[in-house]
Amino acid sequence: MELQDILAKTSSKLSRAEEMMNGLYGCYCERTCSIKGVIYREDESLTDGCRNCTC
């Protein structure tokens, strides 16, 4: 395979990857954590015994 062919294929793959990333940037992803089977949202506080925790 010639260097120009490799470059063309790599450029094509990069372009597709950039399109996929741009699509993901529009998605809302809420961060959560799970403690003892209970799901908490990011920055949510909870009490675990005598400890005060924040997700």
Protein backbone atom coordinates (compact mmCIF):
# COMPACT_ATOMS: atom_id res chain seq x y z
CA MET A 1 0.00 0.00 0.00
CA GLU A 2 1.35 3.39 -0.91
CA LEU A 3 1.81 6.18 1.58
CA GLN A 4 -0.82 8.31 -0.18
CA ASP A 5 -3.38 5.49 0.11
CA ILE A 6 -2.66 5.14 3.81
CA LEU A 7 -2.99 8.90 4.26
CA ALA A 8 -6.32 8.97 2.39
CA LYS A 9 -7.75 6.12 4.47
CA THR A 10 -6.52 7.67 7.71
CA SER A 11 -8.03 11.03 6.77
CA SER A 12 -11.34 9.35 6.00
CA LYS A 13 -11.34 7.53 9.34
CA LEU A 14 -10.50 10.77 11.16
CA SER A 15 -13.33 12.58 9.42
CA ARG A 16 -15.84 9.89 10.44
CA ALA A 17 -14.56 9.95 14.02
CA GLU A 18 -14.91 13.74 14.16
CA GLU A 19 -18.50 13.48 12.91
CA MET A 20 -19.29 10.92 15.61
CA MET A 21 -17.72 13.12 18.30
CA ASN A 22 -19.70 16.14 17.15
CA GLY A 23 -22.87 14.07 17.50
CA LEU A 24 -21.91 13.10 21.05
CA TYR A 25 -21.26 16.71 22.06
CA GLY A 26 -24.98 17.34 21.64
CA CYS A 27 -25.90 14.60 24.12
CA TYR A 28 -26.69 15.31 27.75
CA CYS A 29 -25.03 12.84 30.09
CA GLU A 30 -25.93 13.03 33.77
CA ARG A 31 -23.24 11.77 36.10
CA THR A 32 -24.34 9.52 38.91
CA CYS A 33 -22.85 7.28 41.55
CA SER A 34 -24.27 4.21 43.22
CA ILE A 35 -23.79 3.57 46.93
CA LYS A 36 -25.26 0.45 48.49
CA GLY A 37 -27.63 0.03 45.54
CA VAL A 38 -28.98 3.60 45.70
CA ILE A 39 -28.25 5.92 42.77
CA TYR A 40 -27.31 9.53 43.55
CA ARG A 41 -26.83 12.40 41.13
CA GLU A 42 -23.60 14.34 40.79
CA ASP A 43 -23.05 16.78 43.69
CA GLU A 44 -25.91 15.18 45.67
CA SER A 45 -25.13 14.73 49.37
CA LEU A 46 -25.96 11.71 51.46
CA THR A 47 -25.28 10.30 54.90
CA ASP A 48 -23.62 6.89 55.17
CA GLY A 49 -23.59 5.99 58.83
CA CYS A 50 -21.59 8.76 60.47
CA ARG A 51 -20.04 9.97 57.21
CA ASN A 52 -21.42 12.81 55.09
CA CYS A 53 -20.68 12.06 51.46
CA THR A 54 -21.10 13.86 48.15
CA CYS A 55 -21.43 12.06 44.85
